[in-house]
């Protein structure tokens, strides 16, 4: 039951994770790996530190559940009384219900035998004839087992979503929207990765983007972004702003990542603290309580590299290190 609660978003038959864990027969051989992953904090993949300002989403495992899994995996992996429940089936569905607009990839992409991992870029027509205001974005994988993550943006415009399987789709806070003009195109970057037992198979995908629209904001202002580039990872707000989300784009794994603002009066305002963030998980962290900052506030991100992290797949190097603040001008 604990694995159903914490792992059923991905570790199901036909799902995006490399092995199902929804039956005792499936899970027992992986007991040691399960224990190692959960005790190290790598699974479930949620690096938000408990001392961080709260953000939406995430399903961190509790200390009690972690203890149960650790004792089970170290104590002979006995089969419990509740393991005869029906197996969880993978469901490919829109997390917020039917989108207002669906945009299907123009053609099917096929990964042939011997190819394990690839990044593909697509430019997709939206065919919208008037300005639209976007409150949420989702992706429906054509073949969930190979779609590892995706970056969805407006061509030459804002990043609309960092999508990953098993994660919640968080509608933006009230009054926070992206503007999409008539005739806009979407840019879709998909990270494909086969399971270890699929490498010699031919697997195809044709995914669909789902857009959810809303009314124009009362302020008439859409989300803007401030990019903190490496190596300084620092910047200054040119005007008063309401910080609504933070988007770390990582080039490798880190021990910690802290983002803080310093106001012109000298006040220090924490924005986000991560412990053990990894480039394999691309996320936008929506603040539960957006932060109002005055003009001239300085933003600084500090990272502490994970010194013993040496097993970095090639594909995780696709982003340079940068931190992006998403805000609404005030």
C-alpha atoms as a PDB file:
ATOM      1  CA  UNK A   1       0.000   0.000   0.000  1.00  0.00           C
ATOM      2  CA  UNK A   2       2.837   2.470   0.697  1.00  0.00           C
ATOM      3  CA  UNK A   3       4.290   1.893  -2.756  1.00  0.00           C
ATOM      4  CA  UNK A   4       0.835   2.440  -4.266  1.00  0.00           C
ATOM      5  CA  UNK A   5       0.521   5.737  -2.374  1.00  0.00           C
ATOM      6  CA  UNK A   6       3.961   7.086  -3.256  1.00  0.00           C
ATOM      7  CA  UNK A   7       4.972   5.400  -6.531  1.00  0.00           C
ATOM      8  CA  UNK A   8       1.834   4.734  -8.589  1.00  0.00           C
ATOM      9  CA  UNK A   9       2.282   7.888 -10.666  1.00  0.00           C
ATOM     10  CA  UNK A  10       5.214   6.303 -12.505  1.00  0.00           C
ATOM     11  CA  UNK A  11       6.054   2.762 -11.312  1.00  0.00           C
ATOM     12  CA  UNK A  12       3.170   0.948 -12.988  1.00  0.00           C
ATOM     13  CA  UNK A  13       2.994  -1.458 -15.906  1.00  0.00           C
ATOM     14  CA  UNK A  14       3.294   0.606 -19.089  1.00  0.00           C
ATOM     15  CA  UNK A  15       4.233   3.729 -17.141  1.00  0.00           C
ATOM     16  CA  UNK A  16       7.270   5.999 -17.435  1.00  0.00           C
ATOM     17  CA  UNK A  17       9.408   4.361 -14.721  1.00  0.00           C
ATOM     18  CA  UNK A  18      11.712   1.458 -15.684  1.00  0.00           C
ATOM     19  CA  UNK A  19       9.968  -1.090 -13.447  1.00  0.00           C
ATOM     20  CA  UNK A  20       6.469  -1.546 -11.971  1.00  0.00           C
ATOM     21  CA  UNK A  21       6.205  -1.766  -8.169  1.00  0.00           C
ATOM     22  CA  UNK A  22       2.459  -2.217  -7.748  1.00  0.00           C
ATOM     23  CA  UNK A  23       2.425  -5.893  -6.737  1.00  0.00           C
ATOM     24  CA  UNK A  24       4.427  -7.777  -4.143  1.00  0.00           C
ATOM     25  CA  UNK A  25       5.916  -9.939  -6.887  1.00  0.00           C
ATOM     26  CA  UNK A  26       7.080  -6.825  -8.748  1.00  0.00           C
ATOM     27  CA  UNK A  27       8.434  -4.950  -5.732  1.00  0.00           C
ATOM     28  CA  UNK A  28      10.188  -7.609  -3.642  1.00  0.00           C
ATOM     29  CA  UNK A  29      13.211  -8.082  -5.990  1.00  0.00           C
ATOM     30  CA  UNK A  30      13.847  -4.333  -5.841  1.00  0.00           C
ATOM     31  CA  UNK A  31      13.676  -4.053  -2.040  1.00  0.00           C
ATOM     32  CA  UNK A  32      17.324  -3.060  -1.566  1.00  0.00           C
ATOM     33  CA  UNK A  33      17.178  -0.433  -4.325  1.00  0.00           C
ATOM     34  CA  UNK A  34      13.887   0.936  -2.984  1.00  0.00           C
ATOM     35  CA  UNK A  35      15.409   1.313   0.490  1.00  0.00           C
ATOM     36  CA  UNK A  36      18.540   3.015  -0.877  1.00  0.00           C
ATOM     37  CA  UNK A  37      16.539   5.457  -3.020  1.00  0.00           C
ATOM     38  CA  UNK A  38      14.053   6.511  -0.340  1.00  0.00           C
ATOM     39  CA  UNK A  39      16.616   6.790   2.482  1.00  0.00           C
ATOM     40  CA  UNK A  40      18.892   8.901   0.252  1.00  0.00           C
ATOM     41  CA  UNK A  41      15.974  11.186  -0.588  1.00  0.00           C
ATOM     42  CA  UNK A  42      16.153  10.499  -4.319  1.00  0.00           C
ATOM     43  CA  UNK A  43      12.705   8.916  -4.386  1.00  0.00           C
ATOM     44  CA  UNK A  44      10.048  10.141  -4.485  1.00  0.00           C
ATOM     45  CA  UNK A  45      11.876  12.904  -6.382  1.00  0.00           C
ATOM     46  CA  UNK A  46      10.985  16.006  -4.365  1.00  0.00           C
ATOM     47  CA  UNK A  47      14.013  18.101  -3.297  1.00  0.00           C
ATOM     48  CA  UNK A  48      12.217  20.984  -1.558  1.00  0.00           C
ATOM     49  CA  UNK A  49      13.839  21.435   1.849  1.00  0.00           C
ATOM     50  CA  UNK A  50      11.466  21.444   4.853  1.00  0.00           C
ATOM     51  CA  UNK A  51      12.815  24.904   5.794  1.00  0.00           C
ATOM     52  CA  UNK A  52      11.935  26.363   2.379  1.00  0.00           C
ATOM     53  CA  UNK A  53       9.004  28.695   1.831  1.00  0.00           C
ATOM     54  CA  UNK A  54       6.193  26.271   0.856  1.00  0.00           C
ATOM     55  CA  UNK A  55       5.538  25.453  -2.784  1.00  0.00           C
ATOM     56  CA  UNK A  56       2.678  23.667  -4.517  1.00  0.00           C
ATOM     57  CA  UNK A  57       2.847  20.006  -5.484  1.00  0.00           C
ATOM     58  CA  UNK A  58       5.157  17.242  -4.413  1.00  0.00           C
ATOM     59  CA  UNK A  59       4.543  14.073  -2.484  1.00  0.00           C
ATOM     60  CA  UNK A  60       7.380  13.789   0.014  1.00  0.00           C
ATOM     61  CA  UNK A  61       7.501  10.547   1.942  1.00  0.00           C
ATOM     62  CA  UNK A  62       6.913  10.785   5.690  1.00  0.00           C
ATOM     63  CA  UNK A  63       9.421   9.584   8.283  1.00  0.00           C
ATOM     64  CA  UNK A  64       6.970   6.889   9.364  1.00  0.00           C
ATOM     65  CA  UNK A  65       6.523   5.530   5.853  1.00  0.00           C
ATOM     66  CA  UNK A  66      10.269   5.675   5.240  1.00  0.00           C
ATOM     67  CA  UNK A  67      10.858   3.633   8.408  1.00  0.00           C
ATOM     68  CA  UNK A  68       8.286   1.033   7.340  1.00  0.00           C
ATOM     69  CA  UNK A  69       9.944   0.606   3.936  1.00  0.00           C
ATOM     70  CA  UNK A  70      13.450   0.444   5.452  1.00  0.00           C
ATOM     71  CA  UNK A  71      12.448  -2.181   8.037  1.00  0.00           C
ATOM     72  CA  UNK A  72      10.577  -4.240   5.417  1.00  0.00           C
ATOM     73  CA  UNK A  73      13.472  -4.208   2.950  1.00  0.00           C
ATOM     74  CA  UNK A  74      16.033  -5.083   5.631  1.00  0.00           C
ATOM     75  CA  UNK A  75      13.913  -7.666   7.430  1.00  0.00           C
ATOM     76  CA  UNK A  76      13.343 -10.337   4.830  1.00  0.00           C
ATOM     77  CA  UNK A  77      10.682  -8.499   2.769  1.00  0.00           C
ATOM     78  CA  UNK A  78       7.690 -10.360   4.233  1.00  0.00           C
ATOM     79  CA  UNK A  79       4.491 -10.297   2.210  1.00  0.00           C
ATOM     80  CA  UNK A  80       1.799  -8.259   3.922  1.00  0.00           C
ATOM     81  CA  UNK A  81      -1.896  -8.946   4.255  1.00  0.00           C
ATOM     82  CA  UNK A  82      -2.860  -6.177   1.817  1.00  0.00           C
ATOM     83  CA  UNK A  83      -0.783  -7.334  -1.148  1.00  0.00           C
ATOM     84  CA  UNK A  84      -3.690  -9.124  -2.865  1.00  0.00           C
ATOM     85  CA  UNK A  85      -5.343  -5.882  -3.874  1.00  0.00           C
ATOM     86  CA  UNK A  86      -5.921  -5.443  -7.630  1.00  0.00           C
ATOM     87  CA  UNK A  87      -2.860  -4.173  -9.461  1.00  0.00           C
ATOM     88  CA  UNK A  88      -2.818  -0.475 -10.283  1.00  0.00           C
ATOM     89  CA  UNK A  89      -3.160   0.111 -14.023  1.00  0.00           C
ATOM     90  CA  UNK A  90      -1.463   2.984 -15.817  1.00  0.00           C
ATOM     91  CA  UNK A  91      -3.887   5.667 -16.953  1.00  0.00           C
ATOM     92  CA  UNK A  92      -2.897   8.246 -19.504  1.00  0.00           C
ATOM     93  CA  UNK A  93      -5.273  11.088 -18.721  1.00  0.00           C
ATOM     94  CA  UNK A  94      -5.513  14.870 -18.536  1.00  0.00           C
ATOM     95  CA  UNK A  95      -4.899  15.819 -14.904  1.00  0.00           C
ATOM     96  CA  UNK A  96      -7.151  18.904 -15.036  1.00  0.00           C
ATOM     97  CA  UNK A  97      -9.854  17.455 -17.254  1.00  0.00           C
ATOM     98  CA  UNK A  98     -10.240  18.077 -20.961  1.00  0.00           C
ATOM     99  CA  UNK A  99      -8.070  21.004 -22.192  1.00  0.00           C
ATOM    100  CA  UNK A 100      -9.495  23.984 -24.039  1.00  0.00           C
ATOM    101  CA  UNK A 101      -7.054  23.338 -26.893  1.00  0.00           C
ATOM    102  CA  UNK A 102      -5.182  20.159 -27.851  1.00  0.00           C
ATOM    103  CA  UNK A 103      -2.117  20.376 -30.069  1.00  0.00           C
ATOM    104  CA  UNK A 104      -0.878  17.067 -31.469  1.00  0.00           C
ATOM    105  CA  UNK A 105       2.666  16.522 -32.726  1.00  0.00           C
ATOM    106  CA  UNK A 106       2.714  16.748 -36.511  1.00  0.00           C
ATOM    107  CA  UNK A 107       4.283  13.322 -37.000  1.00  0.00           C
ATOM    108  CA  UNK A 108       5.137  10.249 -34.987  1.00  0.00           C
ATOM    109  CA  UNK A 109       8.675   9.989 -33.636  1.00  0.00           C
ATOM    110  CA  UNK A 110      10.308   6.548 -33.664  1.00  0.00           C
ATOM    111  CA  UNK A 111      13.264   5.340 -31.599  1.00  0.00           C
ATOM    112  CA  UNK A 112      14.896   2.416 -33.346  1.00  0.00           C
ATOM    113  CA  UNK A 113      16.797  -0.549 -31.872  1.00  0.00           C
ATOM    114  CA  UNK A 114      20.014   0.389 -30.068  1.00  0.00           C
ATOM    115  CA  UNK A 115      18.959   3.980 -29.345  1.00  0.00           C
ATOM    116  CA  UNK A 116      18.339   4.502 -25.651  1.00  0.00           C
ATOM    117  CA  UNK A 117      17.975   8.257 -25.162  1.00  0.00           C
ATOM    118  CA  UNK A 118      17.391  11.368 -27.270  1.00  0.00           C
ATOM    119  CA  UNK A 119      16.219  14.975 -27.131  1.00  0.00           C
ATOM    120  CA  UNK A 120      13.803  16.068 -29.860  1.00  0.00           C
ATOM    121  CA  UNK A 121      12.592  19.591 -30.698  1.00  0.00           C
ATOM    122  CA  UNK A 122       9.282  20.430 -32.372  1.00  0.00           C
ATOM    123  CA  UNK A 123       7.623  23.620 -33.603  1.00  0.00           C
ATOM    124  CA  UNK A 124       3.839  23.265 -33.517  1.00  0.00           C
ATOM    125  CA  UNK A 125       1.116  25.478 -34.952  1.00  0.00           C
ATOM    126  CA  UNK A 126      -1.627  26.518 -32.533  1.00  0.00           C
ATOM    127  CA  UNK A 127      -4.014  27.980 -35.149  1.00  0.00           C
ATOM    128  CA  UNK A 128      -5.402  30.420 -32.584  1.00  0.00           C
ATOM    129  CA  UNK A 129      -6.985  33.486 -34.184  1.00  0.00           C
ATOM    130  CA  UNK A 130      -7.169  35.761 -31.137  1.00  0.00           C
ATOM    131  CA  UNK A 131      -5.198  36.472 -27.987  1.00  0.00           C
ATOM    132  CA  UNK A 132      -5.488  33.691 -25.423  1.00  0.00           C
ATOM    133  CA  UNK A 133      -4.600  33.721 -21.726  1.00  0.00           C
ATOM    134  CA  UNK A 134      -3.124  30.459 -20.459  1.00  0.00           C
ATOM    135  CA  UNK A 135      -3.565  29.292 -16.852  1.00  0.00           C
ATOM    136  CA  UNK A 136      -2.176  25.734 -17.110  1.00  0.00           C
ATOM    137  CA  UNK A 137      -0.438  23.370 -19.541  1.00  0.00           C
ATOM    138  CA  UNK A 138      -0.294  19.570 -19.615  1.00  0.00           C
ATOM    139  CA  UNK A 139       1.184  16.895 -21.870  1.00  0.00           C
ATOM    140  CA  UNK A 140      -0.411  13.602 -22.888  1.00  0.00           C
ATOM    141  CA  UNK A 141       2.388  11.229 -23.938  1.00  0.00           C
ATOM    142  CA  UNK A 142       1.626   9.022 -26.875  1.00  0.00           C
ATOM    143  CA  UNK A 143       3.854   6.328 -25.347  1.00  0.00           C
ATOM    144  CA  UNK A 144       4.318   7.009 -21.649  1.00  0.00           C
ATOM    145  CA  UNK A 145       7.175   4.542 -21.191  1.00  0.00           C
ATOM    146  CA  UNK A 146       9.640   6.659 -23.203  1.00  0.00           C
ATOM    147  CA  UNK A 147       8.563  10.274 -22.487  1.00  0.00           C
ATOM    148  CA  UNK A 148      10.847  11.272 -19.606  1.00  0.00           C
ATOM    149  CA  UNK A 149      10.137  15.024 -19.475  1.00  0.00           C
ATOM    150  CA  UNK A 150       9.271  18.000 -21.669  1.00  0.00           C
ATOM    151  CA  UNK A 151       9.767  21.757 -21.902  1.00  0.00           C
ATOM    152  CA  UNK A 152       6.820  23.581 -23.474  1.00  0.00           C
ATOM    153  CA  UNK A 153       7.127  27.228 -24.493  1.00  0.00           C
ATOM    154  CA  UNK A 154       5.811  29.819 -26.911  1.00  0.00           C
ATOM    155  CA  UNK A 155       8.202  30.250 -29.830  1.00  0.00           C
ATOM    156  CA  UNK A 156      10.487  33.185 -28.952  1.00  0.00           C
ATOM    157  CA  UNK A 157       8.446  33.658 -25.784  1.00  0.00           C
ATOM    158  CA  UNK A 158       7.938  32.402 -22.257  1.00  0.00           C
ATOM    159  CA  UNK A 159       8.348  28.861 -20.986  1.00  0.00           C
ATOM    160  CA  UNK A 160       4.808  27.669 -20.307  1.00  0.00           C
ATOM    161  CA  UNK A 161       5.570  24.418 -18.531  1.00  0.00           C
ATOM    162  CA  UNK A 162       8.278  22.054 -17.375  1.00  0.00           C
ATOM    163  CA  UNK A 163       6.472  18.727 -17.575  1.00  0.00           C
ATOM    164  CA  UNK A 164       7.417  15.423 -15.992  1.00  0.00           C
ATOM    165  CA  UNK A 165       5.427  12.218 -15.478  1.00  0.00           C
ATOM    166  CA  UNK A 166       3.744  11.641 -12.158  1.00  0.00           C
ATOM    167  CA  UNK A 167       3.804  15.298 -11.154  1.00  0.00           C
ATOM    168  CA  UNK A 168       0.796  17.428 -10.371  1.00  0.00           C
ATOM    169  CA  UNK A 169      -0.303  20.036 -12.890  1.00  0.00           C
ATOM    170  CA  UNK A 170      -0.613  23.205 -10.836  1.00  0.00           C
ATOM    171  CA  UNK A 171      -2.961  25.907 -12.134  1.00  0.00           C
ATOM    172  CA  UNK A 172      -1.326  29.278 -11.743  1.00  0.00           C
ATOM    173  CA  UNK A 173      -2.316  31.507  -8.823  1.00  0.00           C
ATOM    174  CA  UNK A 174      -5.273  33.813  -9.340  1.00  0.00           C
ATOM    175  CA  UNK A 175      -4.435  36.627 -11.734  1.00  0.00           C
ATOM    176  CA  UNK A 176      -1.248  34.933 -12.983  1.00  0.00           C
ATOM    177  CA  UNK A 177      -1.317  34.012 -16.671  1.00  0.00           C
ATOM    178  CA  UNK A 178       0.688  33.665 -19.852  1.00  0.00           C
ATOM    179  CA  UNK A 179      -0.357  35.611 -22.955  1.00  0.00           C
ATOM    180  CA  UNK A 180      -0.462  33.820 -26.299  1.00  0.00           C
ATOM    181  CA  UNK A 181      -1.047  35.996 -29.339  1.00  0.00           C
ATOM    182  CA  UNK A 182      -2.975  34.989 -32.451  1.00  0.00           C
ATOM    183  CA  UNK A 183      -0.857  32.921 -34.824  1.00  0.00           C
ATOM    184  CA  UNK A 184       1.587  31.842 -32.123  1.00  0.00           C
ATOM    185  CA  UNK A 185       3.556  28.636 -32.423  1.00  0.00           C
ATOM    186  CA  UNK A 186       4.598  26.374 -29.579  1.00  0.00           C
ATOM    187  CA  UNK A 187       8.066  24.969 -29.069  1.00  0.00           C
ATOM    188  CA  UNK A 188       8.164  21.458 -27.607  1.00  0.00           C
ATOM    189  CA  UNK A 189      11.353  19.819 -26.364  1.00  0.00           C
ATOM    190  CA  UNK A 190      10.874  16.185 -25.348  1.00  0.00           C
ATOM    191  CA  UNK A 191      13.420  14.055 -23.538  1.00  0.00           C
ATOM    192  CA  UNK A 192      12.935  10.462 -24.685  1.00  0.00           C
ATOM    193  CA  UNK A 193      14.462   7.585 -22.735  1.00  0.00           C
ATOM    194  CA  UNK A 194      13.727   3.897 -23.106  1.00  0.00           C
ATOM    195  CA  UNK A 195      13.529   1.493 -20.200  1.00  0.00           C
ATOM    196  CA  UNK A 196      16.523  -0.820 -19.828  1.00  0.00           C
ATOM    197  CA  UNK A 197      14.524  -3.717 -21.321  1.00  0.00           C
ATOM    198  CA  UNK A 198      13.413  -1.689 -24.367  1.00  0.00           C
ATOM    199  CA  UNK A 199      16.798  -0.799 -25.847  1.00  0.00           C
ATOM    200  CA  UNK A 200      16.571  -3.276 -28.733  1.00  0.00           C
ATOM    201  CA  UNK A 201      12.911  -2.497 -29.414  1.00  0.00           C
ATOM    202  CA  UNK A 202      11.404  -0.009 -31.846  1.00  0.00           C
ATOM    203  CA  UNK A 203       9.210   2.398 -29.869  1.00  0.00           C
ATOM    204  CA  UNK A 204       7.185   5.326 -31.259  1.00  0.00           C
ATOM    205  CA  UNK A 205       5.534   8.380 -29.726  1.00  0.00           C
ATOM    206  CA  UNK A 206       3.098  11.058 -30.802  1.00  0.00           C
ATOM    207  CA  UNK A 207       2.356  13.268 -27.799  1.00  0.00           C
ATOM    208  CA  UNK A 208      -0.287  15.972 -27.375  1.00  0.00           C
ATOM    209  CA  UNK A 209      -0.045  19.333 -25.580  1.00  0.00           C
ATOM    210  CA  UNK A 210      -3.112  20.490 -23.679  1.00  0.00           C
ATOM    211  CA  UNK A 211      -3.713  24.215 -23.025  1.00  0.00           C
ATOM    212  CA  UNK A 212      -6.148  25.561 -20.431  1.00  0.00           C
ATOM    213  CA  UNK A 213      -7.409  29.109 -20.988  1.00  0.00           C
ATOM    214  CA  UNK A 214      -8.789  31.711 -18.603  1.00  0.00           C
ATOM    215  CA  UNK A 215     -10.039  35.298 -18.610  1.00  0.00           C
ATOM    216  CA  UNK A 216      -7.629  38.213 -19.091  1.00  0.00           C
ATOM    217  CA  UNK A 217      -6.024  39.291 -15.787  1.00  0.00           C
ATOM    218  CA  UNK A 218      -7.488  42.377 -14.140  1.00  0.00           C
ATOM    219  CA  UNK A 219      -4.065  43.998 -14.183  1.00  0.00           C
ATOM    220  CA  UNK A 220      -3.585  43.249 -17.873  1.00  0.00           C
ATOM    221  CA  UNK A 221      -0.091  41.969 -17.021  1.00  0.00           C
ATOM    222  CA  UNK A 222       1.241  38.524 -17.784  1.00  0.00           C
ATOM    223  CA  UNK A 223       4.139  36.638 -16.231  1.00  0.00           C
ATOM    224  CA  UNK A 224       7.626  37.963 -16.910  1.00  0.00           C
ATOM    225  CA  UNK A 225      10.958  36.369 -16.054  1.00  0.00           C
ATOM    226  CA  UNK A 226      14.306  37.361 -14.566  1.00  0.00           C
ATOM    227  CA  UNK A 227      17.165  35.043 -15.538  1.00  0.00           C
ATOM    228  CA  UNK A 228      20.114  34.578 -13.184  1.00  0.00           C
ATOM    229  CA  UNK A 229      22.977  33.300 -15.318  1.00  0.00           C
ATOM    230  CA  UNK A 230      25.986  31.312 -14.172  1.00  0.00           C
ATOM    231  CA  UNK A 231      28.490  31.876 -12.666  1.00  0.00           C
ATOM    232  CA  UNK A 232      27.135  34.847 -10.692  1.00  0.00           C
ATOM    233  CA  UNK A 233      23.533  33.606 -10.413  1.00  0.00           C
ATOM    234  CA  UNK A 234      22.541  37.113  -9.356  1.00  0.00           C
ATOM    235  CA  UNK A 235      20.286  39.875 -10.642  1.00  0.00           C
ATOM    236  CA  UNK A 236      18.200  42.907  -9.677  1.00  0.00           C
ATOM    237  CA  UNK A 237      14.517  43.672 -10.119  1.00  0.00           C
ATOM    238  CA  UNK A 238      13.933  46.751 -12.256  1.00  0.00           C
ATOM    239  CA  UNK A 239      10.550  47.377 -10.672  1.00  0.00           C
ATOM    240  CA  UNK A 240       8.247  46.172  -7.939  1.00  0.00           C
ATOM    241  CA  UNK A 241       7.267  42.559  -8.542  1.00  0.00           C
ATOM    242  CA  UNK A 242       5.243  39.668  -7.171  1.00  0.00           C
ATOM    243  CA  UNK A 243       7.408  36.531  -7.327  1.00  0.00           C
ATOM    244  CA  UNK A 244       5.161  33.576  -8.169  1.00  0.00           C
ATOM    245  CA  UNK A 245       7.531  30.776  -9.206  1.00  0.00           C
ATOM    246  CA  UNK A 246      11.177  29.737  -9.444  1.00  0.00           C
ATOM    247  CA  UNK A 247      12.727  27.618 -12.151  1.00  0.00           C
ATOM    248  CA  UNK A 248      16.210  26.179 -11.518  1.00  0.00           C
ATOM    249  CA  UNK A 249      17.751  24.740 -14.684  1.00  0.00           C
ATOM    250  CA  UNK A 250      20.622  22.514 -13.567  1.00  0.00           C
ATOM    251  CA  UNK A 251      23.739  21.326 -15.350  1.00  0.00           C
ATOM    252  CA  UNK A 252      24.481  18.634 -12.731  1.00  0.00           C
ATOM    253  CA  UNK A 253      23.375  17.416  -9.321  1.00  0.00           C
ATOM    254  CA  UNK A 254      23.848  19.695  -6.321  1.00  0.00           C
ATOM    255  CA  UNK A 255      23.900  19.216  -2.576  1.00  0.00           C
ATOM    256  CA  UNK A 256      21.872  22.367  -1.976  1.00  0.00           C
ATOM    257  CA  UNK A 257      20.399  25.298  -3.893  1.00  0.00           C
ATOM    258  CA  UNK A 258      19.221  28.425  -2.063  1.00  0.00           C
ATOM    259  CA  UNK A 259      17.528  31.461  -3.607  1.00  0.00           C
ATOM    260  CA  UNK A 260      17.164  34.640  -1.561  1.00  0.00           C
ATOM    261  CA  UNK A 261      16.192  38.262  -2.127  1.00  0.00           C
ATOM    262  CA  UNK A 262      17.716  41.280  -0.417  1.00  0.00           C
ATOM    263  CA  UNK A 263      15.516  44.378  -0.436  1.00  0.00           C
ATOM    264  CA  UNK A 264      16.933  47.916  -0.720  1.00  0.00           C
ATOM    265  CA  UNK A 265      16.321  48.308   3.038  1.00  0.00           C
ATOM    266  CA  UNK A 266      18.567  45.325   3.737  1.00  0.00           C
ATOM    267  CA  UNK A 267      15.887  42.743   4.571  1.00  0.00           C
ATOM    268  CA  UNK A 268      16.655  39.163   3.541  1.00  0.00           C
ATOM    269  CA  UNK A 269      13.716  37.253   2.041  1.00  0.00           C
ATOM    270  CA  UNK A 270      14.066  33.489   1.414  1.00  0.00           C
ATOM    271  CA  UNK A 271      12.433  32.334  -1.829  1.00  0.00           C
ATOM    272  CA  UNK A 272      13.364  28.664  -2.274  1.00  0.00           C
ATOM    273  CA  UNK A 273      15.626  26.066  -0.657  1.00  0.00           C
ATOM    274  CA  UNK A 274      16.349  22.723  -2.324  1.00  0.00           C
ATOM    275  CA  UNK A 275      18.253  19.749  -0.942  1.00  0.00           C
ATOM    276  CA  UNK A 276      19.754  17.317  -3.435  1.00  0.00           C
ATOM    277  CA  UNK A 277      18.237  18.749  -6.646  1.00  0.00           C
ATOM    278  CA  UNK A 278      19.085  16.716  -9.741  1.00  0.00           C
ATOM    279  CA  UNK A 279      19.054  17.686 -13.420  1.00  0.00           C
ATOM    280  CA  UNK A 280      17.000  14.601 -14.245  1.00  0.00           C
ATOM    281  CA  UNK A 281      13.935  16.350 -12.789  1.00  0.00           C
ATOM    282  CA  UNK A 282      13.072  19.660 -14.464  1.00  0.00           C
ATOM    283  CA  UNK A 283      10.523  21.620 -12.455  1.00  0.00           C
ATOM    284  CA  UNK A 284       8.929  24.991 -11.957  1.00  0.00           C
ATOM    285  CA  UNK A 285       8.268  25.567  -8.246  1.00  0.00           C
ATOM    286  CA  UNK A 286       5.092  27.599  -7.701  1.00  0.00           C
ATOM    287  CA  UNK A 287       5.131  29.455  -4.386  1.00  0.00           C
ATOM    288  CA  UNK A 288       2.091  28.820  -2.203  1.00  0.00           C
ATOM    289  CA  UNK A 289       2.389  32.423  -1.026  1.00  0.00           C
ATOM    290  CA  UNK A 290       3.736  34.727  -3.767  1.00  0.00           C
ATOM    291  CA  UNK A 291       6.340  37.175  -2.478  1.00  0.00           C
ATOM    292  CA  UNK A 292       6.006  40.932  -2.990  1.00  0.00           C
ATOM    293  CA  UNK A 293       9.376  42.622  -3.522  1.00  0.00           C
ATOM    294  CA  UNK A 294      10.141  46.310  -4.049  1.00  0.00           C
ATOM    295  CA  UNK A 295      12.024  47.734  -7.007  1.00  0.00           C
ATOM    296  CA  UNK A 296      15.769  47.327  -6.727  1.00  0.00           C
ATOM    297  CA  UNK A 297      15.639  44.088  -4.762  1.00  0.00           C
ATOM    298  CA  UNK A 298      18.660  41.918  -5.447  1.00  0.00           C
ATOM    299  CA  UNK A 299      18.198  38.205  -6.103  1.00  0.00           C
ATOM    300  CA  UNK A 300      20.994  35.729  -5.430  1.00  0.00           C
ATOM    301  CA  UNK A 301      21.141  31.961  -5.876  1.00  0.00           C
ATOM    302  CA  UNK A 302      23.871  29.867  -4.266  1.00  0.00           C
ATOM    303  CA  UNK A 303      24.632  26.240  -5.085  1.00  0.00           C
ATOM    304  CA  UNK A 304      26.736  23.627  -3.342  1.00  0.00           C
ATOM    305  CA  UNK A 305      27.910  20.868  -5.731  1.00  0.00           C
ATOM    306  CA  UNK A 306      27.435  17.247  -4.759  1.00  0.00           C
ATOM    307  CA  UNK A 307      31.035  16.122  -4.673  1.00  0.00           C
ATOM    308  CA  UNK A 308      30.423  12.378  -4.987  1.00  0.00           C
ATOM    309  CA  UNK A 309      27.950  12.594  -7.873  1.00  0.00           C
ATOM    310  CA  UNK A 310      29.871  11.111 -10.788  1.00  0.00           C
ATOM    311  CA  UNK A 311      27.276   9.106 -12.694  1.00  0.00           C
ATOM    312  CA  UNK A 312      25.806  11.933 -14.768  1.00  0.00           C
ATOM    313  CA  UNK A 313      24.091  10.780 -17.970  1.00  0.00           C
ATOM    314  CA  UNK A 314      25.008  12.745 -21.060  1.00  0.00           C
ATOM    315  CA  UNK A 315      21.477  14.002 -21.568  1.00  0.00           C
ATOM    316  CA  UNK A 316      21.429  15.857 -18.240  1.00  0.00           C
ATOM    317  CA  UNK A 317      23.964  18.312 -19.682  1.00  0.00           C
ATOM    318  CA  UNK A 318      21.425  19.837 -22.066  1.00  0.00           C
ATOM    319  CA  UNK A 319      20.867  22.924 -19.881  1.00  0.00           C
ATOM    320  CA  UNK A 320      23.452  25.453 -18.718  1.00  0.00           C
ATOM    321  CA  UNK A 321      23.204  26.340 -15.050  1.00  0.00           C
ATOM    322  CA  UNK A 322      20.727  29.171 -14.538  1.00  0.00           C
ATOM    323  CA  UNK A 323      17.903  30.138 -12.212  1.00  0.00           C
ATOM    324  CA  UNK A 324      14.759  31.846 -13.506  1.00  0.00           C
ATOM    325  CA  UNK A 325      12.322  33.887 -11.409  1.00  0.00           C
ATOM    326  CA  UNK A 326       8.794  34.160 -12.764  1.00  0.00           C
ATOM    327  CA  UNK A 327       7.032  37.316 -11.584  1.00  0.00           C
ATOM    328  CA  UNK A 328       4.156  39.654 -12.259  1.00  0.00           C
ATOM    329  CA  UNK A 329       5.087  43.382 -12.395  1.00  0.00           C
ATOM    330  CA  UNK A 330       3.317  45.484  -9.768  1.00  0.00           C
END
